[in-house]
Each structure stands twice: as structure tokens, then as C-alpha cells.
Amino acid sequence: MQNRITYFGCLFLILLASCNNVQPLEERYGIKYNDKREKIGLLPLNSQWQLKSWMSPPRDAERDSVLIVMWYPENYDSIGNTGKAFYSEKRLTFKKDTLIEEVDAFAGPNSFTENVKFAYLLYIYRFVPYEMDSAGWGYFFLWQIDEDEFGKGICDHKYPTRNEADSILNSWGLKYQ
């Protein structure tokens, strides 16, 4: 009888410890998630990149907060100062603990941005329907055309097709996959 109590007591402690050993989202969807990324056509996360995360405030009282986790090159500033196009960040968006979106962002080269302050091309993959967006691929092109009197950027954007996004990226000397 004593052996059974000891056995079930140990089993209970093991189960309790395993329930409390939940990996943070940054770890679950970090480098360990690269195999799944490659299966659905996403770029793998570079193991040398720095992690930055923050909680986004809810838009209204009925919505849950959204966690945004970003990775970017350690030498981001020096890469950006070369004037060449580069892969600038990987951003993951979570609602509660569900991954809803992964974004790969690319910064445009100086030759492309002569008439604008900056240009970013985003490859967006939505995992589940969220708000008005459906699951699957989306592309977003953003560039700053000027600044207002307060120094705030005035930006323009468009939603290119996959072929248009690939064409822009290729003109920058980069490829997605």
C-alpha cells in the first residue's frame, strides 16, 4: 500500500511539473519552428538575430491583447547604413497563445529610395482568419514620401500581388525563398 501511495505521489508531482513547464511563445515559435516554416514556404528564423517583443494594447475592452514578437539582425544599423536592400525583420503576432500571423520584412536599397525616405516590402502569412483578413498570403508595400511639420512621416502603401512583390524584391537583388 505504501508503494502505491509513493508511486501515485511521484506520478502526480511529475504531471504537475510538466503542466507548469510551458515554453514561452518566443521559444516555441523561434528556431524550433523553422521546420514548419519551411514546409509552408516561410523563411526560417536566423539563429543570430535578436529578439524583441512587446504587448500591444487591446483596441477595445472586448478584445484580448495581442502579443507581437520580433527578431531582427544584431547588426541592423550597420546593414541599414550600407544602402543595400536587406531582410530586416521577422515578426510574429499572437492572440492569446495562438499564432495568427508571421511577417518577413525587407528594407529597400538606397537606389530604390532616392525619392522617398524608406521603403519596406512585407510578406505576410496569416494562419487563422482574424478580423477581416483571411488565412494565407498577403503582401504589403510601404514607403515614406515626406514628413509633416511635426516630423511625423507621411507614408503611402499598396497591396501588391505575389508576382509584383517578387518582382520588387528581385529588383532589389533579393529573393523570397
N, C-alpha and C. Protein backbone atom coordinates (compact mmCIF):
# COMPACT_ATOMS: atom_id res chain seq x y z
N MET A 1 0.81 -1.19 0.00
CA MET A 1 0.00 0.00 0.00
C MET A 1 0.86 1.26 0.00
N GLN A 2 1.93 1.24 0.81
CA GLN A 2 2.84 2.37 0.88
C GLN A 2 3.50 2.62 -0.48
N ASN A 3 3.83 1.53 -1.20
CA ASN A 3 4.46 1.67 -2.52
C ASN A 3 3.50 2.34 -3.50
N ARG A 4 2.21 1.99 -3.44
CA ARG A 4 1.23 2.60 -4.34
C ARG A 4 1.09 4.10 -4.06
N ILE A 5 1.06 4.44 -2.79
CA ILE A 5 0.93 5.87 -2.44
C ILE A 5 2.16 6.63 -2.94
N THR A 6 3.33 6.06 -2.73
CA THR A 6 4.57 6.70 -3.20
C THR A 6 4.55 6.80 -4.72
N TYR A 7 4.14 5.72 -5.41
CA TYR A 7 4.09 5.72 -6.87
C TYR A 7 3.15 6.80 -7.40
N PHE A 8 1.92 6.85 -6.87
CA PHE A 8 0.96 7.85 -7.34
C PHE A 8 1.37 9.27 -6.93
N GLY A 9 2.01 9.40 -5.79
CA GLY A 9 2.51 10.72 -5.38
C GLY A 9 3.58 11.22 -6.34
N CYS A 10 4.51 10.34 -6.73
CA CYS A 10 5.55 10.72 -7.70
C CYS A 10 4.93 11.02 -9.06
N LEU A 11 3.98 10.20 -9.48
CA LEU A 11 3.31 10.43 -10.76
C LEU A 11 2.59 11.78 -10.76
N PHE A 12 1.93 12.11 -9.66
CA PHE A 12 1.25 13.39 -9.54
C PHE A 12 2.24 14.55 -9.63
N LEU A 13 3.37 14.45 -8.96
CA LEU A 13 4.38 15.51 -9.00
C LEU A 13 4.96 15.68 -10.40
N ILE A 14 5.16 14.59 -11.12
CA ILE A 14 5.68 14.66 -12.49
C ILE A 14 4.66 15.35 -13.39
N LEU A 15 3.39 14.96 -13.27
CA LEU A 15 2.34 15.60 -14.06
C LEU A 15 2.22 17.09 -13.73
N LEU A 16 2.30 17.43 -12.47
CA LEU A 16 2.21 18.83 -12.05
C LEU A 16 3.38 19.63 -12.61
N ALA A 17 4.58 19.06 -12.56
CA ALA A 17 5.76 19.76 -13.08
C ALA A 17 5.67 19.93 -14.59
N SER A 18 5.15 18.92 -15.29
CA SER A 18 5.06 19.05 -16.75
C SER A 18 4.00 20.07 -17.15
N CYS A 19 2.96 20.22 -16.36
CA CYS A 19 1.93 21.22 -16.67
C CYS A 19 2.45 22.64 -16.49
N ASN A 20 3.36 22.83 -15.53
CA ASN A 20 3.90 24.15 -15.27
C ASN A 20 5.11 24.47 -16.14
N ASN A 21 5.55 23.54 -16.96
CA ASN A 21 6.73 23.73 -17.79
C ASN A 21 6.31 24.11 -19.21
N VAL A 22 5.53 25.18 -19.34
CA VAL A 22 5.07 25.64 -20.64
C VAL A 22 6.14 26.55 -21.23
N GLN A 23 6.52 26.25 -22.46
CA GLN A 23 7.53 27.07 -23.13
C GLN A 23 6.97 28.42 -23.49
N PRO A 24 7.76 29.48 -23.32
CA PRO A 24 7.31 30.79 -23.80
C PRO A 24 7.10 30.76 -25.31
N LEU A 25 6.20 31.59 -25.80
CA LEU A 25 5.91 31.64 -27.23
C LEU A 25 7.16 31.91 -28.05
N GLU A 26 8.05 32.77 -27.53
CA GLU A 26 9.26 33.10 -28.25
C GLU A 26 10.12 31.87 -28.52
N GLU A 27 10.11 30.94 -27.57
CA GLU A 27 10.89 29.71 -27.74
C GLU A 27 10.15 28.72 -28.64
N ARG A 28 8.86 28.54 -28.40
CA ARG A 28 8.07 27.59 -29.20
C ARG A 28 8.08 27.94 -30.67
N TYR A 29 8.02 29.23 -30.99
CA TYR A 29 7.96 29.66 -32.38
C TYR A 29 9.25 30.32 -32.85
N GLY A 30 10.34 30.07 -32.13
CA GLY A 30 11.64 30.58 -32.53
C GLY A 30 12.30 29.61 -33.51
N ILE A 31 13.55 29.32 -33.29
CA ILE A 31 14.34 28.43 -34.16
C ILE A 31 13.69 27.06 -34.28
N LYS A 32 13.10 26.57 -33.20
CA LYS A 32 12.48 25.23 -33.20
C LYS A 32 11.34 25.12 -34.21
N TYR A 33 10.77 26.23 -34.61
CA TYR A 33 9.63 26.24 -35.52
C TYR A 33 10.06 26.30 -37.00
N ASN A 34 11.36 26.37 -37.25
CA ASN A 34 11.86 26.53 -38.63
C ASN A 34 11.45 25.41 -39.57
N ASP A 35 11.38 24.18 -39.09
CA ASP A 35 10.96 23.07 -39.96
C ASP A 35 9.54 23.30 -40.48
N LYS A 36 8.66 23.74 -39.61
CA LYS A 36 7.28 24.01 -40.02
C LYS A 36 7.21 25.21 -40.96
N ARG A 37 8.06 26.22 -40.70
CA ARG A 37 8.11 27.38 -41.60
C ARG A 37 8.47 26.95 -43.02
N GLU A 38 9.48 26.14 -43.14
CA GLU A 38 9.93 25.71 -44.46
C GLU A 38 8.85 24.90 -45.18
N LYS A 39 8.06 24.11 -44.44
CA LYS A 39 7.00 23.32 -45.06
C LYS A 39 5.91 24.18 -45.69
N ILE A 40 5.67 25.36 -45.12
CA ILE A 40 4.62 26.22 -45.68
C ILE A 40 5.20 27.38 -46.49
N GLY A 41 6.50 27.36 -46.72
CA GLY A 41 7.12 28.35 -47.61
C GLY A 41 7.56 29.64 -46.95
N LEU A 42 7.71 29.64 -45.63
CA LEU A 42 8.19 30.82 -44.93
C LEU A 42 9.71 30.75 -44.76
N LEU A 43 10.34 31.91 -44.69
CA LEU A 43 11.78 31.94 -44.45
C LEU A 43 12.07 31.46 -43.03
N PRO A 44 13.13 30.70 -42.84
CA PRO A 44 13.48 30.29 -41.49
C PRO A 44 14.00 31.47 -40.68
N LEU A 45 13.87 31.38 -39.38
CA LEU A 45 14.39 32.40 -38.48
C LEU A 45 15.89 32.21 -38.35
N ASN A 46 16.64 33.29 -38.50
CA ASN A 46 18.10 33.25 -38.35
C ASN A 46 18.44 33.16 -36.87
N SER A 47 19.25 32.19 -36.51
CA SER A 47 19.59 31.97 -35.10
C SER A 47 20.44 33.09 -34.52
N GLN A 48 21.03 33.92 -35.36
CA GLN A 48 21.88 35.02 -34.90
C GLN A 48 21.10 36.30 -34.62
N TRP A 49 19.80 36.30 -34.90
CA TRP A 49 19.01 37.53 -34.75
C TRP A 49 18.63 37.78 -33.30
N GLN A 50 18.40 39.06 -32.96
CA GLN A 50 18.00 39.47 -31.62
C GLN A 50 16.48 39.41 -31.49
N LEU A 51 16.04 39.13 -30.30
CA LEU A 51 14.62 39.06 -30.01
C LEU A 51 14.15 40.35 -29.35
N LYS A 52 13.02 40.82 -29.79
CA LYS A 52 12.37 41.96 -29.15
C LYS A 52 10.88 41.63 -29.15
N SER A 53 10.21 41.79 -28.03
CA SER A 53 8.78 41.51 -28.01
C SER A 53 8.07 42.58 -27.20
N TRP A 54 6.81 42.74 -27.48
CA TRP A 54 6.00 43.67 -26.71
C TRP A 54 4.54 43.28 -26.78
N MET A 55 3.79 43.78 -25.82
CA MET A 55 2.35 43.53 -25.77
C MET A 55 1.67 44.74 -26.38
N SER A 56 0.82 44.49 -27.31
CA SER A 56 0.07 45.55 -27.95
C SER A 56 -1.22 45.76 -27.15
N PRO A 57 -1.60 47.00 -26.85
CA PRO A 57 -2.82 47.21 -26.07
C PRO A 57 -4.05 46.80 -26.86
N PRO A 58 -5.10 46.35 -26.17
CA PRO A 58 -6.33 45.99 -26.89
C PRO A 58 -6.94 47.22 -27.54
N ARG A 59 -7.57 47.00 -28.69
CA ARG A 59 -8.21 48.11 -29.40
C ARG A 59 -9.48 48.56 -28.69
N ASP A 60 -10.13 47.64 -28.04
CA ASP A 60 -11.29 47.99 -27.23
C ASP A 60 -11.41 46.96 -26.10
N ALA A 61 -12.29 47.21 -25.18
CA ALA A 61 -12.39 46.39 -23.98
C ALA A 61 -12.77 44.95 -24.27
N GLU A 62 -13.42 44.69 -25.40
CA GLU A 62 -13.88 43.34 -25.69
C GLU A 62 -12.79 42.46 -26.29
N ARG A 63 -11.73 43.05 -26.77
CA ARG A 63 -10.67 42.27 -27.42
C ARG A 63 -9.55 41.95 -26.45
N ASP A 64 -8.93 40.81 -26.70
CA ASP A 64 -7.76 40.44 -25.91
C ASP A 64 -6.54 41.18 -26.46
N SER A 65 -5.56 41.35 -25.61
CA SER A 65 -4.32 41.95 -26.06
C SER A 65 -3.64 41.04 -27.08
N VAL A 66 -2.86 41.66 -27.93
CA VAL A 66 -2.12 40.93 -28.95
C VAL A 66 -0.65 41.05 -28.61
N LEU A 67 0.05 39.94 -28.64
CA LEU A 67 1.49 39.93 -28.39
C LEU A 67 2.21 39.94 -29.73
N ILE A 68 3.14 40.86 -29.90
CA ILE A 68 3.95 40.92 -31.10
C ILE A 68 5.38 40.60 -30.71
N VAL A 69 5.98 39.65 -31.40
CA VAL A 69 7.35 39.24 -31.15
C VAL A 69 8.14 39.48 -32.43
N MET A 70 9.28 40.15 -32.30
CA MET A 70 10.10 40.48 -33.47
C MET A 70 11.52 39.98 -33.27
N TRP A 71 12.10 39.53 -34.37
CA TRP A 71 13.52 39.24 -34.42
C TRP A 71 14.12 40.09 -35.53
N TYR A 72 15.32 40.56 -35.34
CA TYR A 72 15.99 41.35 -36.36
C TYR A 72 17.49 41.12 -36.25
N PRO A 73 18.24 41.44 -37.33
CA PRO A 73 19.69 41.21 -37.31
C PRO A 73 20.36 42.01 -36.19
N GLU A 74 21.35 41.39 -35.55
CA GLU A 74 22.08 42.08 -34.48
C GLU A 74 22.74 43.35 -35.01
N ASN A 75 23.21 43.31 -36.23
CA ASN A 75 23.90 44.45 -36.82
C ASN A 75 22.97 45.24 -37.74
N TYR A 76 21.73 45.39 -37.33
CA TYR A 76 20.70 46.05 -38.13
C TYR A 76 21.14 47.42 -38.63
N ASP A 77 21.67 48.25 -37.72
CA ASP A 77 22.06 49.61 -38.10
C ASP A 77 23.18 49.62 -39.13
N SER A 78 24.17 48.78 -38.94
CA SER A 78 25.29 48.77 -39.90
C SER A 78 24.84 48.22 -41.25
N ILE A 79 23.94 47.25 -41.26
CA ILE A 79 23.41 46.73 -42.52
C ILE A 79 22.60 47.83 -43.21
N GLY A 80 21.76 48.51 -42.44
CA GLY A 80 20.94 49.59 -42.99
C GLY A 80 21.77 50.73 -43.56
N ASN A 81 22.93 50.98 -42.97
CA ASN A 81 23.79 52.07 -43.43
C ASN A 81 24.55 51.75 -44.70
N THR A 82 24.53 50.50 -45.14
CA THR A 82 25.24 50.16 -46.38
C THR A 82 24.49 50.66 -47.60
N GLY A 83 23.20 50.94 -47.45
CA GLY A 83 22.40 51.41 -48.58
C GLY A 83 21.89 50.29 -49.46
N LYS A 84 22.18 49.04 -49.10
CA LYS A 84 21.70 47.89 -49.87
C LYS A 84 20.40 47.37 -49.28
N ALA A 85 19.62 46.70 -50.10
CA ALA A 85 18.40 46.06 -49.61
C ALA A 85 18.79 44.92 -48.67
N PHE A 86 17.95 44.66 -47.68
CA PHE A 86 18.24 43.56 -46.77
C PHE A 86 16.95 43.05 -46.11
N TYR A 87 17.04 41.82 -45.63
CA TYR A 87 15.97 41.17 -44.87
C TYR A 87 16.04 41.79 -43.48
N SER A 88 15.03 42.58 -43.12
CA SER A 88 15.14 43.42 -41.93
C SER A 88 14.50 42.88 -40.65
N GLU A 89 13.47 42.05 -40.76
CA GLU A 89 12.86 41.53 -39.53
C GLU A 89 11.92 40.38 -39.81
N LYS A 90 11.71 39.58 -38.78
CA LYS A 90 10.65 38.57 -38.76
C LYS A 90 9.76 38.94 -37.58
N ARG A 91 8.47 39.07 -37.86
CA ARG A 91 7.53 39.48 -36.83
C ARG A 91 6.41 38.46 -36.72
N LEU A 92 6.14 38.02 -35.50
CA LEU A 92 5.06 37.08 -35.22
C LEU A 92 4.02 37.78 -34.37
N THR A 93 2.75 37.55 -34.69
CA THR A 93 1.65 38.14 -33.92
C THR A 93 0.82 37.01 -33.33
N PHE A 94 0.53 37.13 -32.05
CA PHE A 94 -0.23 36.12 -31.32
C PHE A 94 -1.47 36.77 -30.72
N LYS A 95 -2.56 36.04 -30.73
CA LYS A 95 -3.74 36.41 -29.96
C LYS A 95 -3.88 35.32 -28.92
N LYS A 96 -3.78 35.72 -27.67
CA LYS A 96 -3.62 34.78 -26.56
C LYS A 96 -2.36 33.99 -26.85
N ASP A 97 -2.43 32.67 -26.96
CA ASP A 97 -1.22 31.91 -27.29
C ASP A 97 -1.30 31.28 -28.68
N THR A 98 -2.15 31.83 -29.53
CA THR A 98 -2.32 31.31 -30.89
C THR A 98 -1.59 32.19 -31.88
N LEU A 99 -0.72 31.59 -32.67
CA LEU A 99 -0.01 32.31 -33.71
C LEU A 99 -1.01 32.64 -34.81
N ILE A 100 -1.18 33.94 -35.10
CA ILE A 100 -2.14 34.33 -36.12
C ILE A 100 -1.48 34.90 -37.37
N GLU A 101 -0.22 35.35 -37.24
CA GLU A 101 0.41 35.97 -38.40
C GLU A 101 1.93 35.93 -38.26
N GLU A 102 2.61 35.71 -39.38
CA GLU A 102 4.07 35.81 -39.44
C GLU A 102 4.43 36.70 -40.62
N VAL A 103 5.32 37.65 -40.37
CA VAL A 103 5.69 38.64 -41.38
C VAL A 103 7.20 38.63 -41.57
N ASP A 104 7.63 38.60 -42.83
CA ASP A 104 9.03 38.80 -43.18
C ASP A 104 9.11 40.16 -43.86
N ALA A 105 9.95 41.05 -43.30
CA ALA A 105 10.06 42.42 -43.83
C ALA A 105 11.42 42.62 -44.48
N PHE A 106 11.39 43.35 -45.60
CA PHE A 106 12.59 43.65 -46.35
C PHE A 106 12.69 45.16 -46.54
N ALA A 107 13.88 45.72 -46.28
CA ALA A 107 14.11 47.15 -46.47
C ALA A 107 14.71 47.37 -47.85
N GLY A 108 14.22 48.39 -48.55
CA GLY A 108 14.69 48.70 -49.89
C GLY A 108 16.05 49.36 -49.91
N PRO A 109 16.76 49.26 -51.03
CA PRO A 109 18.09 49.86 -51.17
C PRO A 109 18.01 51.36 -51.43
N ASN A 110 19.13 52.05 -51.21
CA ASN A 110 19.18 53.50 -51.47
C ASN A 110 18.81 53.83 -52.90
N SER A 111 19.24 53.01 -53.86
CA SER A 111 18.93 53.31 -55.25
C SER A 111 17.42 53.32 -55.50
N PHE A 112 16.69 52.55 -54.74
CA PHE A 112 15.24 52.49 -54.88
C PHE A 112 14.57 53.62 -54.10
N THR A 113 15.21 54.05 -53.04
CA THR A 113 14.58 55.02 -52.14
C THR A 113 15.12 56.44 -52.31
N GLU A 114 15.67 56.76 -53.47
CA GLU A 114 16.21 58.11 -53.68
C GLU A 114 15.16 59.19 -53.48
N ASN A 115 13.95 58.97 -53.94
CA ASN A 115 12.90 59.98 -53.84
C ASN A 115 12.00 59.79 -52.62
N VAL A 116 12.29 58.80 -51.80
CA VAL A 116 11.50 58.55 -50.60
C VAL A 116 12.44 58.30 -49.43
N LYS A 117 11.91 58.41 -48.21
CA LYS A 117 12.74 58.24 -47.01
C LYS A 117 13.09 56.76 -46.77
N PHE A 118 12.11 55.90 -46.96
CA PHE A 118 12.35 54.46 -46.81
C PHE A 118 11.28 53.69 -47.57
N ALA A 119 11.56 52.42 -47.80
CA ALA A 119 10.58 51.54 -48.44
C ALA A 119 10.73 50.16 -47.80
N TYR A 120 9.60 49.57 -47.44
CA TYR A 120 9.58 48.22 -46.87
C TYR A 120 8.59 47.37 -47.64
N LEU A 121 8.98 46.15 -47.90
CA LEU A 121 8.10 45.18 -48.52
C LEU A 121 7.87 44.07 -47.51
N LEU A 122 6.60 43.78 -47.24
CA LEU A 122 6.26 42.77 -46.25
C LEU A 122 5.61 41.57 -46.92
N TYR A 123 6.11 40.39 -46.60
CA TYR A 123 5.48 39.13 -46.98
C TYR A 123 4.76 38.64 -45.74
N ILE A 124 3.45 38.54 -45.81
CA ILE A 124 2.62 38.26 -44.64
C ILE A 124 1.92 36.92 -44.83
N TYR A 125 2.02 36.07 -43.81
CA TYR A 125 1.28 34.81 -43.84
C TYR A 125 0.36 34.79 -42.63
N ARG A 126 -0.95 34.70 -42.89
CA ARG A 126 -1.94 34.65 -41.80
C ARG A 126 -2.35 33.20 -41.59
N PHE A 127 -2.22 32.75 -40.34
CA PHE A 127 -2.50 31.36 -40.01
C PHE A 127 -3.98 31.09 -39.80
N VAL A 128 -4.69 32.03 -39.23
CA VAL A 128 -6.12 31.83 -38.99
C VAL A 128 -6.85 33.11 -39.38
N PRO A 129 -8.12 33.00 -39.74
CA PRO A 129 -8.86 34.23 -40.02
C PRO A 129 -8.85 35.15 -38.80
N TYR A 130 -8.59 36.40 -39.02
CA TYR A 130 -8.52 37.37 -37.94
C TYR A 130 -9.09 38.68 -38.46
N GLU A 131 -10.07 39.18 -37.79
CA GLU A 131 -10.78 40.37 -38.22
C GLU A 131 -11.28 40.18 -39.65
N MET A 132 -10.92 41.06 -40.56
CA MET A 132 -11.41 40.99 -41.93
C MET A 132 -10.48 40.20 -42.85
N ASP A 133 -9.33 39.78 -42.34
CA ASP A 133 -8.35 39.09 -43.17
C ASP A 133 -8.60 37.59 -43.16
N SER A 134 -8.29 36.95 -44.26
CA SER A 134 -8.42 35.50 -44.32
C SER A 134 -7.05 34.87 -44.20
N ALA A 135 -7.04 33.58 -43.94
CA ALA A 135 -5.78 32.85 -43.81
C ALA A 135 -5.08 32.79 -45.16
N GLY A 136 -3.76 32.73 -45.13
CA GLY A 136 -2.96 32.62 -46.35
C GLY A 136 -2.07 33.83 -46.53
N TRP A 137 -1.59 33.99 -47.76
CA TRP A 137 -0.59 35.01 -48.08
C TRP A 137 -1.20 36.38 -48.34
N GLY A 138 -0.45 37.40 -47.96
CA GLY A 138 -0.75 38.79 -48.28
C GLY A 138 0.56 39.54 -48.42
N TYR A 139 0.55 40.65 -49.13
CA TYR A 139 1.77 41.42 -49.37
C TYR A 139 1.45 42.88 -49.16
N PHE A 140 2.40 43.61 -48.59
CA PHE A 140 2.18 45.00 -48.26
C PHE A 140 3.45 45.77 -48.57
N PHE A 141 3.31 46.85 -49.31
CA PHE A 141 4.45 47.67 -49.68
C PHE A 141 4.23 49.06 -49.09
N LEU A 142 5.18 49.53 -48.28
CA LEU A 142 5.05 50.79 -47.57
C LEU A 142 6.26 51.66 -47.85
N TRP A 143 6.02 52.94 -48.14
CA TRP A 143 7.14 53.85 -48.30
C TRP A 143 6.78 55.21 -47.73
N GLN A 144 7.80 55.88 -47.18
CA GLN A 144 7.60 57.22 -46.62
C GLN A 144 7.95 58.24 -47.70
N ILE A 145 6.99 59.10 -48.01
CA ILE A 145 7.21 60.06 -49.09
C ILE A 145 7.60 61.45 -48.58
N ASP A 146 7.30 61.75 -47.32
CA ASP A 146 7.62 63.08 -46.81
C ASP A 146 7.43 63.08 -45.29
N GLU A 147 7.61 64.24 -44.68
CA GLU A 147 7.34 64.42 -43.26
C GLU A 147 6.44 65.63 -43.10
N ASP A 148 5.57 65.59 -42.08
CA ASP A 148 4.73 66.76 -41.82
C ASP A 148 5.51 67.77 -40.96
N GLU A 149 4.86 68.85 -40.56
CA GLU A 149 5.55 69.90 -39.81
C GLU A 149 6.01 69.45 -38.42
N PHE A 150 5.50 68.31 -37.95
CA PHE A 150 5.90 67.78 -36.64
C PHE A 150 6.96 66.69 -36.75
N GLY A 151 7.43 66.45 -37.97
CA GLY A 151 8.45 65.42 -38.19
C GLY A 151 7.89 64.02 -38.31
N LYS A 152 6.57 63.91 -38.35
CA LYS A 152 5.94 62.60 -38.47
C LYS A 152 5.91 62.21 -39.95
N GLY A 153 6.25 60.98 -40.23
CA GLY A 153 6.32 60.51 -41.60
C GLY A 153 4.96 60.46 -42.29
N ILE A 154 4.95 60.89 -43.53
CA ILE A 154 3.77 60.75 -44.37
C ILE A 154 4.06 59.58 -45.29
N CYS A 155 3.26 58.54 -45.17
CA CYS A 155 3.55 57.30 -45.89
C CYS A 155 2.47 57.00 -46.92
N ASP A 156 2.85 56.18 -47.85
CA ASP A 156 1.92 55.65 -48.83
C ASP A 156 2.11 54.14 -48.85
N HIS A 157 1.15 53.43 -49.37
CA HIS A 157 1.24 51.97 -49.38
C HIS A 157 0.41 51.40 -50.53
N LYS A 158 0.68 50.13 -50.79
CA LYS A 158 -0.17 49.39 -51.71
C LYS A 158 -0.09 47.92 -51.34
N TYR A 159 -1.04 47.16 -51.86
CA TYR A 159 -1.10 45.72 -51.63
C TYR A 159 -0.78 45.04 -52.96
N PRO A 160 0.49 44.75 -53.20
CA PRO A 160 0.84 44.13 -54.48
C PRO A 160 0.41 42.66 -54.53
N THR A 161 0.38 42.12 -55.72
CA THR A 161 0.16 40.68 -55.88
C THR A 161 1.47 39.97 -55.55
N ARG A 162 1.42 38.66 -55.49
CA ARG A 162 2.64 37.89 -55.22
C ARG A 162 3.67 38.15 -56.31
N ASN A 163 3.26 38.16 -57.57
CA ASN A 163 4.20 38.40 -58.66
C ASN A 163 4.81 39.79 -58.57
N GLU A 164 4.00 40.80 -58.23
CA GLU A 164 4.52 42.17 -58.08
C GLU A 164 5.50 42.25 -56.91
N ALA A 165 5.16 41.61 -55.79
CA ALA A 165 6.05 41.61 -54.63
C ALA A 165 7.37 40.93 -54.97
N ASP A 166 7.29 39.77 -55.63
CA ASP A 166 8.51 39.07 -56.03
C ASP A 166 9.34 39.92 -56.99
N SER A 167 8.67 40.64 -57.91
CA SER A 167 9.36 41.49 -58.86
C SER A 167 10.10 42.63 -58.15
N ILE A 168 9.45 43.25 -57.17
CA ILE A 168 10.09 44.32 -56.40
C ILE A 168 11.31 43.76 -55.67
N LEU A 169 11.12 42.63 -55.00
CA LEU A 169 12.22 42.03 -54.25
C LEU A 169 13.37 41.66 -55.17
N ASN A 170 13.06 41.10 -56.34
CA ASN A 170 14.10 40.76 -57.30
C ASN A 170 14.84 42.00 -57.79
N SER A 171 14.11 43.11 -58.00
CA SER A 171 14.76 44.34 -58.44
C SER A 171 15.70 44.88 -57.36
N TRP A 172 15.45 44.51 -56.11
CA TRP A 172 16.33 44.90 -55.02
C TRP A 172 17.51 43.94 -54.86
N GLY A 173 17.53 42.88 -55.66
CA GLY A 173 18.60 41.89 -55.56
C GLY A 173 18.35 40.84 -54.48
N LEU A 174 17.10 40.69 -54.04
CA LEU A 174 16.74 39.72 -53.01
C LEU A 174 15.69 38.77 -53.55
N LYS A 175 15.53 37.64 -52.88
CA LYS A 175 14.50 36.67 -53.25
C LYS A 175 13.82 36.16 -51.99
N TYR A 176 12.55 35.84 -52.14
CA TYR A 176 11.83 35.19 -51.05
C TYR A 176 11.82 33.70 -51.36
N GLN A 177 12.58 32.95 -50.62
CA GLN A 177 12.78 31.50 -50.79
C GLN A 177 13.68 31.22 -51.91
